[in-house]
Amino acid sequence: MRKRPQQRRAKVVVESILEGAQKCIAEYGIIHVTTPKIAEKSGVSVGSIYQYFENKEQIISELLLQKSEHLGQGLKQLVMTQSDVDIRDIITLSIAFGFATLKADHGFFIEILKNWHTYNDSEASEVLERHFFEVGMYVFNRYYQHWNFETLKHKSFVIINSTLFTMMRYASQSNFLIEEERLKHELSVMIMAYLGIDK
């Protein structure tokens, strides 16, 4: 961002800009979003937008950062409140949460995934990776206390990245020959097999 809003009124303006950007992405797709379109959807003048953002890319990056933080916190809350649940259920719930998030907000994340080459090195990507890694470490440390840190770290990395990649590919394409419910099931089976869990 060009500058961070400090006063309440400025924060409301920035939130309006971000909401307008999300509406534009849903309606036009990222490639066809422009700053004037964002201004129109948000009810904020183009001049006011440029007080806070240099261009549309910076607006989208800030929106993605907010949504990535929200996604990561939501997954943490989901997992950490399931204190007496079997790990099979944690896996199933986490995968379902991931698919629901991809489809939320008029498919915001799906549109981002279609253009992931632009955002895979972004601050938002780092935020997601950190949250997912923390969730993975928490879950595996809870259910696999006999594993050392290196094992926990490696298992978390493989499971998180293989699952995310598959979900991202599925969400950003429309010609897969597998239905969503079957894919959820297969991902759960894959993770459980990797962890040595009986189905």
N, C-alpha and C. Protein backbone atom coordinates (compact mmCIF):
# COMPACT_ATOMS: atom_id res chain seq x y z
N MET A 1 0.83 -1.19 0.00
CA MET A 1 0.00 0.00 0.00
C MET A 1 0.87 1.25 0.00
N ARG A 2 0.34 2.30 -0.62
CA ARG A 2 1.07 3.58 -0.63
C ARG A 2 1.15 4.15 0.78
N LYS A 3 0.02 4.10 1.51
CA LYS A 3 0.03 4.48 2.92
C LYS A 3 -1.06 3.72 3.66
N ARG A 4 -0.81 3.42 4.91
CA ARG A 4 -1.78 2.70 5.74
C ARG A 4 -2.74 3.69 6.37
N PRO A 5 -4.04 3.40 6.29
CA PRO A 5 -5.00 4.32 6.90
C PRO A 5 -4.91 4.28 8.41
N GLN A 6 -4.97 5.44 9.04
CA GLN A 6 -4.87 5.54 10.50
C GLN A 6 -6.23 5.88 11.11
N GLN A 7 -6.91 6.85 10.54
CA GLN A 7 -8.19 7.27 11.09
C GLN A 7 -9.32 6.36 10.61
N ARG A 8 -10.40 6.36 11.38
CA ARG A 8 -11.52 5.47 11.07
C ARG A 8 -12.08 5.73 9.68
N ARG A 9 -12.23 7.00 9.32
CA ARG A 9 -12.80 7.34 8.01
C ARG A 9 -11.92 6.81 6.88
N ALA A 10 -10.61 6.94 7.05
CA ALA A 10 -9.68 6.44 6.03
C ALA A 10 -9.76 4.92 5.92
N LYS A 11 -9.93 4.25 7.07
CA LYS A 11 -10.05 2.80 7.05
C LYS A 11 -11.32 2.36 6.33
N VAL A 12 -12.39 3.11 6.51
CA VAL A 12 -13.65 2.81 5.81
C VAL A 12 -13.47 2.96 4.30
N VAL A 13 -12.74 3.99 3.90
CA VAL A 13 -12.48 4.21 2.47
C VAL A 13 -11.70 3.04 1.89
N VAL A 14 -10.65 2.61 2.58
CA VAL A 14 -9.83 1.50 2.10
C VAL A 14 -10.64 0.22 2.02
N GLU A 15 -11.48 -0.03 3.03
CA GLU A 15 -12.34 -1.22 2.99
C GLU A 15 -13.30 -1.16 1.82
N SER A 16 -13.83 0.02 1.52
CA SER A 16 -14.73 0.18 0.37
C SER A 16 -14.00 -0.13 -0.93
N ILE A 17 -12.76 0.31 -1.02
CA ILE A 17 -11.95 0.05 -2.21
C ILE A 17 -11.74 -1.46 -2.38
N LEU A 18 -11.40 -2.14 -1.28
CA LEU A 18 -11.15 -3.58 -1.34
C LEU A 18 -12.44 -4.34 -1.69
N GLU A 19 -13.56 -3.92 -1.11
CA GLU A 19 -14.83 -4.56 -1.44
C GLU A 19 -15.18 -4.33 -2.92
N GLY A 20 -14.93 -3.12 -3.41
CA GLY A 20 -15.16 -2.84 -4.82
C GLY A 20 -14.29 -3.69 -5.72
N ALA A 21 -13.04 -3.89 -5.31
CA ALA A 21 -12.13 -4.74 -6.09
C ALA A 21 -12.64 -6.17 -6.14
N GLN A 22 -13.13 -6.67 -5.00
CA GLN A 22 -13.66 -8.04 -4.98
C GLN A 22 -14.86 -8.18 -5.91
N LYS A 23 -15.74 -7.19 -5.91
CA LYS A 23 -16.90 -7.23 -6.81
C LYS A 23 -16.46 -7.22 -8.27
N CYS A 24 -15.45 -6.43 -8.57
CA CYS A 24 -14.93 -6.37 -9.95
C CYS A 24 -14.33 -7.71 -10.37
N ILE A 25 -13.57 -8.32 -9.47
CA ILE A 25 -12.95 -9.62 -9.78
C ILE A 25 -14.02 -10.65 -10.06
N ALA A 26 -15.09 -10.65 -9.24
CA ALA A 26 -16.18 -11.60 -9.43
C ALA A 26 -16.90 -11.36 -10.76
N GLU A 27 -17.04 -10.11 -11.13
CA GLU A 27 -17.81 -9.78 -12.34
C GLU A 27 -16.99 -9.86 -13.63
N TYR A 28 -15.74 -9.38 -13.57
CA TYR A 28 -14.95 -9.26 -14.79
C TYR A 28 -13.79 -10.25 -14.89
N GLY A 29 -13.36 -10.80 -13.75
CA GLY A 29 -12.12 -11.57 -13.74
C GLY A 29 -10.94 -10.64 -13.53
N ILE A 30 -9.87 -11.15 -12.94
CA ILE A 30 -8.73 -10.30 -12.57
C ILE A 30 -8.14 -9.56 -13.76
N ILE A 31 -8.00 -10.23 -14.88
CA ILE A 31 -7.34 -9.63 -16.04
C ILE A 31 -8.06 -8.37 -16.50
N HIS A 32 -9.37 -8.34 -16.37
CA HIS A 32 -10.16 -7.22 -16.90
C HIS A 32 -10.53 -6.17 -15.84
N VAL A 33 -9.98 -6.33 -14.64
CA VAL A 33 -10.23 -5.33 -13.60
C VAL A 33 -9.37 -4.09 -13.88
N THR A 34 -9.96 -2.92 -13.72
CA THR A 34 -9.23 -1.66 -13.86
C THR A 34 -9.49 -0.78 -12.64
N THR A 35 -8.64 0.19 -12.42
CA THR A 35 -8.84 1.10 -11.30
C THR A 35 -10.14 1.88 -11.45
N PRO A 36 -10.50 2.39 -12.64
CA PRO A 36 -11.79 3.07 -12.78
C PRO A 36 -12.98 2.16 -12.45
N LYS A 37 -12.91 0.89 -12.82
CA LYS A 37 -13.99 -0.04 -12.49
C LYS A 37 -14.08 -0.23 -10.97
N ILE A 38 -12.93 -0.33 -10.32
CA ILE A 38 -12.92 -0.46 -8.86
C ILE A 38 -13.53 0.78 -8.22
N ALA A 39 -13.17 1.95 -8.75
CA ALA A 39 -13.72 3.21 -8.23
C ALA A 39 -15.24 3.22 -8.36
N GLU A 40 -15.73 2.78 -9.50
CA GLU A 40 -17.18 2.76 -9.72
C GLU A 40 -17.89 1.82 -8.75
N LYS A 41 -17.34 0.62 -8.58
CA LYS A 41 -17.96 -0.37 -7.70
C LYS A 41 -17.87 0.03 -6.22
N SER A 42 -16.81 0.73 -5.86
CA SER A 42 -16.59 1.06 -4.45
C SER A 42 -17.22 2.39 -4.03
N GLY A 43 -17.56 3.23 -5.04
CA GLY A 43 -18.09 4.55 -4.72
C GLY A 43 -17.03 5.51 -4.23
N VAL A 44 -15.77 5.20 -4.56
CA VAL A 44 -14.63 6.03 -4.17
C VAL A 44 -14.00 6.57 -5.45
N SER A 45 -13.60 7.82 -5.43
CA SER A 45 -13.02 8.41 -6.63
C SER A 45 -11.67 7.78 -6.95
N VAL A 46 -11.28 7.84 -8.22
CA VAL A 46 -9.98 7.31 -8.64
C VAL A 46 -8.86 8.03 -7.89
N GLY A 47 -9.01 9.34 -7.71
CA GLY A 47 -8.01 10.11 -6.98
C GLY A 47 -7.83 9.64 -5.55
N SER A 48 -8.95 9.31 -4.90
CA SER A 48 -8.88 8.81 -3.53
C SER A 48 -8.21 7.44 -3.47
N ILE A 49 -8.47 6.61 -4.49
CA ILE A 49 -7.82 5.30 -4.54
C ILE A 49 -6.31 5.46 -4.60
N TYR A 50 -5.85 6.42 -5.41
CA TYR A 50 -4.41 6.61 -5.57
C TYR A 50 -3.74 7.21 -4.33
N GLN A 51 -4.53 7.68 -3.37
CA GLN A 51 -3.93 8.12 -2.11
C GLN A 51 -3.40 6.92 -1.33
N TYR A 52 -4.04 5.76 -1.54
CA TYR A 52 -3.69 4.58 -0.75
C TYR A 52 -2.99 3.48 -1.57
N PHE A 53 -3.28 3.42 -2.85
CA PHE A 53 -2.74 2.34 -3.69
C PHE A 53 -2.11 2.92 -4.95
N GLU A 54 -1.01 2.30 -5.38
CA GLU A 54 -0.34 2.78 -6.58
C GLU A 54 -1.05 2.33 -7.85
N ASN A 55 -1.67 1.14 -7.81
CA ASN A 55 -2.31 0.59 -9.00
C ASN A 55 -3.26 -0.53 -8.59
N LYS A 56 -3.92 -1.13 -9.57
CA LYS A 56 -4.88 -2.20 -9.27
C LYS A 56 -4.19 -3.43 -8.70
N GLU A 57 -2.97 -3.70 -9.13
CA GLU A 57 -2.24 -4.86 -8.62
C GLU A 57 -2.02 -4.76 -7.11
N GLN A 58 -1.72 -3.54 -6.65
CA GLN A 58 -1.52 -3.35 -5.22
C GLN A 58 -2.83 -3.52 -4.45
N ILE A 59 -3.93 -3.11 -5.04
CA ILE A 59 -5.24 -3.29 -4.41
C ILE A 59 -5.55 -4.78 -4.28
N ILE A 60 -5.36 -5.52 -5.36
CA ILE A 60 -5.65 -6.96 -5.36
C ILE A 60 -4.73 -7.69 -4.38
N SER A 61 -3.46 -7.29 -4.33
CA SER A 61 -2.52 -7.92 -3.40
C SER A 61 -2.95 -7.70 -1.95
N GLU A 62 -3.42 -6.49 -1.63
CA GLU A 62 -3.88 -6.21 -0.26
C GLU A 62 -5.13 -7.01 0.07
N LEU A 63 -6.04 -7.11 -0.90
CA LEU A 63 -7.25 -7.91 -0.71
C LEU A 63 -6.89 -9.37 -0.49
N LEU A 64 -5.97 -9.88 -1.29
CA LEU A 64 -5.54 -11.27 -1.16
C LEU A 64 -4.86 -11.51 0.18
N LEU A 65 -4.08 -10.55 0.64
CA LEU A 65 -3.41 -10.67 1.94
C LEU A 65 -4.44 -10.79 3.06
N GLN A 66 -5.46 -9.94 3.03
CA GLN A 66 -6.51 -9.99 4.05
C GLN A 66 -7.23 -11.34 4.04
N LYS A 67 -7.58 -11.79 2.84
CA LYS A 67 -8.34 -13.03 2.73
C LYS A 67 -7.47 -14.24 3.10
N SER A 68 -6.19 -14.18 2.81
CA SER A 68 -5.29 -15.27 3.18
C SER A 68 -5.15 -15.36 4.69
N GLU A 69 -5.05 -14.22 5.35
CA GLU A 69 -4.98 -14.20 6.81
C GLU A 69 -6.27 -14.76 7.40
N HIS A 70 -7.41 -14.36 6.84
CA HIS A 70 -8.70 -14.86 7.32
C HIS A 70 -8.82 -16.37 7.12
N LEU A 71 -8.38 -16.85 5.96
CA LEU A 71 -8.42 -18.28 5.67
C LEU A 71 -7.56 -19.05 6.67
N GLY A 72 -6.33 -18.58 6.88
CA GLY A 72 -5.42 -19.26 7.79
C GLY A 72 -5.95 -19.30 9.21
N GLN A 73 -6.49 -18.18 9.67
CA GLN A 73 -7.05 -18.13 11.03
C GLN A 73 -8.27 -19.04 11.15
N GLY A 74 -9.08 -19.08 10.08
CA GLY A 74 -10.27 -19.93 10.10
C GLY A 74 -9.91 -21.40 10.20
N LEU A 75 -8.88 -21.82 9.46
CA LEU A 75 -8.44 -23.21 9.53
C LEU A 75 -7.88 -23.54 10.91
N LYS A 76 -7.11 -22.62 11.47
CA LYS A 76 -6.57 -22.83 12.82
C LYS A 76 -7.69 -23.01 13.82
N GLN A 77 -8.69 -22.14 13.75
CA GLN A 77 -9.81 -22.23 14.68
C GLN A 77 -10.55 -23.56 14.53
N LEU A 78 -10.76 -23.96 13.28
CA LEU A 78 -11.45 -25.22 13.02
C LEU A 78 -10.71 -26.39 13.65
N VAL A 79 -9.42 -26.45 13.43
CA VAL A 79 -8.62 -27.58 13.89
C VAL A 79 -8.42 -27.55 15.41
N MET A 80 -8.14 -26.40 15.95
CA MET A 80 -7.79 -26.32 17.37
C MET A 80 -9.00 -26.42 18.30
N THR A 81 -10.20 -26.26 17.76
CA THR A 81 -11.39 -26.43 18.61
C THR A 81 -11.90 -27.86 18.60
N GLN A 82 -11.30 -28.71 17.77
CA GLN A 82 -11.69 -30.12 17.70
C GLN A 82 -10.78 -30.95 18.59
N SER A 83 -10.84 -30.71 19.89
CA SER A 83 -9.87 -31.32 20.80
C SER A 83 -10.06 -32.82 21.00
N ASP A 84 -11.28 -33.32 20.89
CA ASP A 84 -11.52 -34.74 21.16
C ASP A 84 -11.92 -35.51 19.90
N VAL A 85 -11.50 -35.04 18.76
CA VAL A 85 -11.90 -35.63 17.48
C VAL A 85 -10.78 -36.50 16.94
N ASP A 86 -11.16 -37.61 16.33
CA ASP A 86 -10.20 -38.51 15.69
C ASP A 86 -9.51 -37.79 14.53
N ILE A 87 -8.26 -38.15 14.28
CA ILE A 87 -7.51 -37.47 13.22
C ILE A 87 -8.16 -37.67 11.85
N ARG A 88 -8.86 -38.76 11.65
CA ARG A 88 -9.57 -38.98 10.38
C ARG A 88 -10.59 -37.87 10.15
N ASP A 89 -11.28 -37.51 11.23
CA ASP A 89 -12.28 -36.44 11.12
C ASP A 89 -11.63 -35.08 10.91
N ILE A 90 -10.49 -34.86 11.54
CA ILE A 90 -9.75 -33.60 11.34
C ILE A 90 -9.37 -33.46 9.86
N ILE A 91 -8.89 -34.54 9.28
CA ILE A 91 -8.49 -34.52 7.87
C ILE A 91 -9.69 -34.21 6.98
N THR A 92 -10.80 -34.90 7.22
CA THR A 92 -12.00 -34.69 6.42
C THR A 92 -12.53 -33.27 6.56
N LEU A 93 -12.59 -32.77 7.79
CA LEU A 93 -13.08 -31.41 8.04
C LEU A 93 -12.19 -30.36 7.38
N SER A 94 -10.89 -30.56 7.44
CA SER A 94 -9.95 -29.60 6.87
C SER A 94 -10.07 -29.53 5.35
N ILE A 95 -10.23 -30.68 4.72
CA ILE A 95 -10.38 -30.72 3.26
C ILE A 95 -11.70 -30.05 2.86
N ALA A 96 -12.77 -30.34 3.59
CA ALA A 96 -14.07 -29.72 3.30
C ALA A 96 -13.99 -28.20 3.48
N PHE A 97 -13.28 -27.76 4.53
CA PHE A 97 -13.08 -26.33 4.76
C PHE A 97 -12.35 -25.69 3.57
N GLY A 98 -11.34 -26.38 3.07
CA GLY A 98 -10.57 -25.85 1.94
C GLY A 98 -11.43 -25.66 0.70
N PHE A 99 -12.24 -26.65 0.38
CA PHE A 99 -13.10 -26.54 -0.80
C PHE A 99 -14.16 -25.44 -0.61
N ALA A 100 -14.72 -25.34 0.59
CA ALA A 100 -15.72 -24.31 0.85
C ALA A 100 -15.11 -22.91 0.71
N THR A 101 -13.88 -22.76 1.18
CA THR A 101 -13.19 -21.47 1.08
C THR A 101 -12.93 -21.11 -0.37
N LEU A 102 -12.52 -22.08 -1.16
CA LEU A 102 -12.25 -21.81 -2.58
C LEU A 102 -13.49 -21.29 -3.30
N LYS A 103 -14.66 -21.75 -2.88
CA LYS A 103 -15.90 -21.35 -3.57
C LYS A 103 -16.55 -20.11 -2.95
N ALA A 104 -16.04 -19.65 -1.81
CA ALA A 104 -16.63 -18.50 -1.13
C ALA A 104 -16.30 -17.20 -1.86
N ASP A 105 -17.00 -16.15 -1.47
CA ASP A 105 -16.75 -14.80 -2.01
C ASP A 105 -16.80 -14.77 -3.53
N HIS A 106 -17.80 -15.43 -4.08
CA HIS A 106 -18.00 -15.46 -5.53
C HIS A 106 -16.78 -16.02 -6.27
N GLY A 107 -16.11 -16.97 -5.64
CA GLY A 107 -14.97 -17.63 -6.29
C GLY A 107 -13.72 -16.79 -6.36
N PHE A 108 -13.52 -15.90 -5.36
CA PHE A 108 -12.34 -15.03 -5.36
C PHE A 108 -11.04 -15.82 -5.48
N PHE A 109 -10.89 -16.84 -4.62
CA PHE A 109 -9.65 -17.61 -4.63
C PHE A 109 -9.49 -18.41 -5.93
N ILE A 110 -10.60 -18.85 -6.51
CA ILE A 110 -10.51 -19.58 -7.78
C ILE A 110 -9.94 -18.66 -8.86
N GLU A 111 -10.39 -17.41 -8.87
CA GLU A 111 -9.87 -16.45 -9.85
C GLU A 111 -8.40 -16.16 -9.58
N ILE A 112 -8.02 -16.09 -8.32
CA ILE A 112 -6.60 -15.88 -7.98
C ILE A 112 -5.77 -17.07 -8.47
N LEU A 113 -6.29 -18.27 -8.27
CA LEU A 113 -5.56 -19.48 -8.67
C LEU A 113 -5.34 -19.54 -10.17
N LYS A 114 -6.28 -19.02 -10.92
CA LYS A 114 -6.12 -19.00 -12.39
C LYS A 114 -4.94 -18.12 -12.80
N ASN A 115 -4.56 -17.23 -11.90
CA ASN A 115 -3.45 -16.31 -12.18
C ASN A 115 -2.36 -16.43 -11.11
N TRP A 116 -2.20 -17.67 -10.59
CA TRP A 116 -1.33 -17.87 -9.44
C TRP A 116 0.12 -17.50 -9.71
N HIS A 117 0.56 -17.60 -10.97
CA HIS A 117 1.94 -17.23 -11.31
C HIS A 117 2.25 -15.79 -10.90
N THR A 118 1.23 -14.96 -10.80
CA THR A 118 1.43 -13.57 -10.40
C THR A 118 1.55 -13.42 -8.89
N TYR A 119 0.98 -14.37 -8.14
CA TYR A 119 0.88 -14.20 -6.69
C TYR A 119 1.63 -15.24 -5.86
N ASN A 120 2.26 -16.23 -6.50
CA ASN A 120 2.84 -17.32 -5.72
C ASN A 120 4.04 -16.89 -4.89
N ASP A 121 4.64 -15.73 -5.16
CA ASP A 121 5.73 -15.22 -4.34
C ASP A 121 5.31 -14.03 -3.50
N SER A 122 4.01 -13.84 -3.36
CA SER A 122 3.50 -12.66 -2.66
C SER A 122 3.53 -12.85 -1.15
N GLU A 123 3.31 -11.75 -0.43
CA GLU A 123 3.22 -11.81 1.03
C GLU A 123 2.05 -12.69 1.46
N ALA A 124 0.97 -12.66 0.69
CA ALA A 124 -0.20 -13.49 0.99
C ALA A 124 0.14 -14.97 0.94
N SER A 125 0.94 -15.35 -0.04
CA SER A 125 1.36 -16.75 -0.16
C SER A 125 2.18 -17.17 1.06
N GLU A 126 3.05 -16.28 1.53
CA GLU A 126 3.86 -16.57 2.71
C GLU A 126 2.97 -16.71 3.96
N VAL A 127 1.95 -15.87 4.05
CA VAL A 127 1.02 -15.93 5.18
C VAL A 127 0.30 -17.28 5.20
N LEU A 128 -0.19 -17.70 4.03
CA LEU A 128 -0.88 -18.98 3.94
C LEU A 128 0.04 -20.13 4.33
N GLU A 129 1.24 -20.13 3.78
CA GLU A 129 2.19 -21.20 4.07
C GLU A 129 2.48 -21.27 5.57
N ARG A 130 2.64 -20.12 6.22
CA ARG A 130 2.93 -20.10 7.65
C ARG A 130 1.76 -20.68 8.45
N HIS A 131 0.55 -20.24 8.13
CA HIS A 131 -0.63 -20.74 8.85
C HIS A 131 -0.80 -22.25 8.65
N PHE A 132 -0.68 -22.71 7.40
CA PHE A 132 -0.86 -24.13 7.12
C PHE A 132 0.20 -24.97 7.82
N PHE A 133 1.43 -24.46 7.84
CA PHE A 133 2.51 -25.20 8.50
C PHE A 133 2.25 -25.28 10.00
N GLU A 134 1.80 -24.17 10.60
CA GLU A 134 1.49 -24.18 12.03
C GLU A 134 0.37 -25.15 12.35
N VAL A 135 -0.65 -25.19 11.49
CA VAL A 135 -1.75 -26.14 11.69
C VAL A 135 -1.24 -27.57 11.58
N GLY A 136 -0.44 -27.83 10.56
CA GLY A 136 0.12 -29.17 10.38
C GLY A 136 0.95 -29.60 11.57
N MET A 137 1.80 -28.71 12.06
CA MET A 137 2.64 -29.03 13.21
C MET A 137 1.79 -29.29 14.45
N TYR A 138 0.76 -28.48 14.62
CA TYR A 138 -0.12 -28.64 15.79
C TYR A 138 -0.83 -30.00 15.75
N VAL A 139 -1.41 -30.32 14.59
CA VAL A 139 -2.16 -31.58 14.46
C VAL A 139 -1.25 -32.78 14.65
N PHE A 140 -0.13 -32.80 13.96
CA PHE A 140 0.73 -33.97 14.02
C PHE A 140 1.41 -34.11 15.38
N ASN A 141 1.69 -32.98 16.01
CA ASN A 141 2.27 -33.04 17.36
C ASN A 141 1.25 -33.57 18.36
N ARG A 142 -0.02 -33.31 18.09
CA ARG A 142 -1.07 -33.79 18.99
C ARG A 142 -1.30 -35.29 18.84
N TYR A 143 -1.27 -35.77 17.61
CA TYR A 143 -1.58 -37.18 17.35
C TYR A 143 -0.35 -38.07 17.21
N TYR A 144 0.80 -37.45 16.98
CA TYR A 144 2.03 -38.23 16.77
C TYR A 144 3.15 -37.67 17.65
N GLN A 145 2.94 -37.72 18.93
CA GLN A 145 3.91 -37.14 19.87
C GLN A 145 5.26 -37.85 19.86
N HIS A 146 5.28 -39.07 19.33
CA HIS A 146 6.55 -39.82 19.28
C HIS A 146 7.44 -39.37 18.13
N TRP A 147 6.89 -38.58 17.18
CA TRP A 147 7.71 -38.09 16.07
C TRP A 147 8.61 -36.96 16.55
N ASN A 148 9.82 -36.91 16.00
CA ASN A 148 10.69 -35.77 16.31
C ASN A 148 10.32 -34.58 15.41
N PHE A 149 10.94 -33.44 15.68
CA PHE A 149 10.57 -32.21 14.96
C PHE A 149 10.80 -32.34 13.47
N GLU A 150 11.91 -32.94 13.06
CA GLU A 150 12.21 -33.06 11.63
C GLU A 150 11.16 -33.90 10.91
N THR A 151 10.71 -34.97 11.54
CA THR A 151 9.66 -35.80 10.94
C THR A 151 8.36 -35.03 10.81
N LEU A 152 8.01 -34.31 11.88
CA LEU A 152 6.80 -33.49 11.85
C LEU A 152 6.86 -32.46 10.72
N LYS A 153 8.00 -31.82 10.60
CA LYS A 153 8.18 -30.78 9.59
C LYS A 153 8.06 -31.35 8.19
N HIS A 154 8.71 -32.49 7.94
CA HIS A 154 8.69 -33.08 6.60
C HIS A 154 7.31 -33.63 6.23
N LYS A 155 6.67 -34.31 7.18
CA LYS A 155 5.33 -34.83 6.92
C LYS A 155 4.35 -33.70 6.64
N SER A 156 4.44 -32.63 7.44
CA SER A 156 3.56 -31.47 7.24
C SER A 156 3.75 -30.88 5.85
N PHE A 157 5.02 -30.72 5.46
CA PHE A 157 5.31 -30.11 4.16
C PHE A 157 4.71 -30.92 3.01
N VAL A 158 4.92 -32.23 3.04
CA VAL A 158 4.44 -33.08 1.95
C VAL A 158 2.91 -33.09 1.89
N ILE A 159 2.27 -33.26 3.02
CA ILE A 159 0.81 -33.34 3.03
C ILE A 159 0.18 -32.01 2.62
N ILE A 160 0.65 -30.92 3.20
CA ILE A 160 0.06 -29.62 2.90
C ILE A 160 0.22 -29.27 1.43
N ASN A 161 1.42 -29.43 0.91
CA ASN A 161 1.66 -29.02 -0.47
C ASN A 161 1.01 -29.94 -1.50
N SER A 162 1.00 -31.24 -1.26
CA SER A 162 0.36 -32.13 -2.23
C SER A 162 -1.15 -31.94 -2.23
N THR A 163 -1.74 -31.73 -1.04
CA THR A 163 -3.18 -31.50 -0.96
C THR A 163 -3.56 -30.17 -1.57
N LEU A 164 -2.82 -29.11 -1.21
CA LEU A 164 -3.13 -27.79 -1.74
C LEU A 164 -2.99 -27.75 -3.26
N PHE A 165 -1.92 -28.34 -3.77
CA PHE A 165 -1.72 -28.33 -5.22
C PHE A 165 -2.88 -29.00 -5.94
N THR A 166 -3.30 -30.14 -5.42
CA THR A 166 -4.41 -30.86 -6.05
C THR A 166 -5.68 -30.04 -5.99
N MET A 167 -5.97 -29.44 -4.84
CA MET A 167 -7.18 -28.63 -4.71
C MET A 167 -7.12 -27.40 -5.62
N MET A 168 -5.95 -26.79 -5.70
CA MET A 168 -5.79 -25.61 -6.56
C MET A 168 -6.00 -25.97 -8.02
N ARG A 169 -5.41 -27.07 -8.44
CA ARG A 169 -5.58 -27.51 -9.83
C ARG A 169 -7.04 -27.80 -10.14
N TYR A 170 -7.70 -28.46 -9.21
CA TYR A 170 -9.11 -28.81 -9.41
C TYR A 170 -9.98 -27.55 -9.47
N ALA A 171 -9.73 -26.63 -8.55
CA ALA A 171 -10.57 -25.43 -8.47
C ALA A 171 -10.37 -24.49 -9.65
N SER A 172 -9.16 -24.46 -10.20
CA SER A 172 -8.87 -23.52 -11.28
C SER A 172 -9.13 -24.09 -12.67
N GLN A 173 -9.53 -25.36 -12.74
CA GLN A 173 -9.86 -25.99 -14.03
C GLN A 173 -11.33 -26.39 -14.00
N SER A 174 -11.93 -26.55 -15.13
CA SER A 174 -13.35 -26.92 -15.17
C SER A 174 -13.59 -28.22 -15.94
N ASN A 175 -12.52 -28.91 -16.32
CA ASN A 175 -12.69 -30.09 -17.17
C ASN A 175 -12.17 -31.36 -16.52
N PHE A 176 -12.13 -31.40 -15.18
CA PHE A 176 -11.68 -32.60 -14.51
C PHE A 176 -12.74 -33.69 -14.59
N LEU A 177 -12.31 -34.94 -14.66
CA LEU A 177 -13.23 -36.06 -14.79
C LEU A 177 -13.57 -36.68 -13.44
N ILE A 178 -13.31 -35.95 -12.36
CA ILE A 178 -13.61 -36.45 -11.03
C ILE A 178 -14.51 -35.43 -10.32
N GLU A 179 -15.54 -35.92 -9.65
CA GLU A 179 -16.44 -35.02 -8.94
C GLU A 179 -15.81 -34.57 -7.63
N GLU A 180 -16.27 -33.44 -7.14
CA GLU A 180 -15.67 -32.86 -5.94
C GLU A 180 -15.73 -33.79 -4.73
N GLU A 181 -16.87 -34.41 -4.50
CA GLU A 181 -17.00 -35.29 -3.34
C GLU A 181 -16.03 -36.47 -3.42
N ARG A 182 -15.86 -37.00 -4.64
CA ARG A 182 -14.91 -38.11 -4.81
C ARG A 182 -13.48 -37.63 -4.57
N LEU A 183 -13.18 -36.43 -5.03
CA LEU A 183 -11.83 -35.90 -4.82
C LEU A 183 -11.56 -35.69 -3.34
N LYS A 184 -12.54 -35.17 -2.61
CA LYS A 184 -12.38 -35.02 -1.15
C LYS A 184 -12.05 -36.37 -0.51
N HIS A 185 -12.80 -37.38 -0.92
CA HIS A 185 -12.58 -38.73 -0.38
C HIS A 185 -11.18 -39.23 -0.71
N GLU A 186 -10.78 -39.08 -1.97
CA GLU A 186 -9.47 -39.58 -2.40
C GLU A 186 -8.33 -38.84 -1.69
N LEU A 187 -8.48 -37.54 -1.46
CA LEU A 187 -7.46 -36.80 -0.74
C LEU A 187 -7.34 -37.30 0.70
N SER A 188 -8.49 -37.55 1.32
CA SER A 188 -8.48 -38.08 2.69
C SER A 188 -7.79 -39.43 2.74
N VAL A 189 -8.10 -40.30 1.79
CA VAL A 189 -7.48 -41.63 1.73
C VAL A 189 -5.97 -41.50 1.53
N MET A 190 -5.57 -40.59 0.66
CA MET A 190 -4.15 -40.39 0.38
C MET A 190 -3.40 -39.95 1.64
N ILE A 191 -3.96 -38.98 2.36
CA ILE A 191 -3.30 -38.48 3.57
C ILE A 191 -3.23 -39.56 4.63
N MET A 192 -4.33 -40.27 4.82
CA MET A 192 -4.35 -41.33 5.84
C MET A 192 -3.35 -42.43 5.51
N ALA A 193 -3.26 -42.78 4.23
CA ALA A 193 -2.29 -43.81 3.83
C ALA A 193 -0.86 -43.34 4.09
N TYR A 194 -0.58 -42.08 3.80
CA TYR A 194 0.76 -41.53 4.03
C TYR A 194 1.12 -41.51 5.52
N LEU A 195 0.10 -41.31 6.34
CA LEU A 195 0.32 -41.29 7.78
C LEU A 195 0.23 -42.67 8.43
N GLY A 196 -0.11 -43.68 7.61
CA GLY A 196 -0.20 -45.04 8.13
C GLY A 196 -1.45 -45.28 8.96
N ILE A 197 -2.53 -44.55 8.63
CA ILE A 197 -3.78 -44.68 9.37
C ILE A 197 -4.70 -45.64 8.63
N ASP A 198 -5.29 -46.58 9.34
CA ASP A 198 -6.27 -47.46 8.73
C ASP A 198 -7.52 -46.65 8.41
N LYS A 199 -8.09 -46.90 7.23
CA LYS A 199 -9.28 -46.17 6.81
C LYS A 199 -10.45 -46.43 7.75
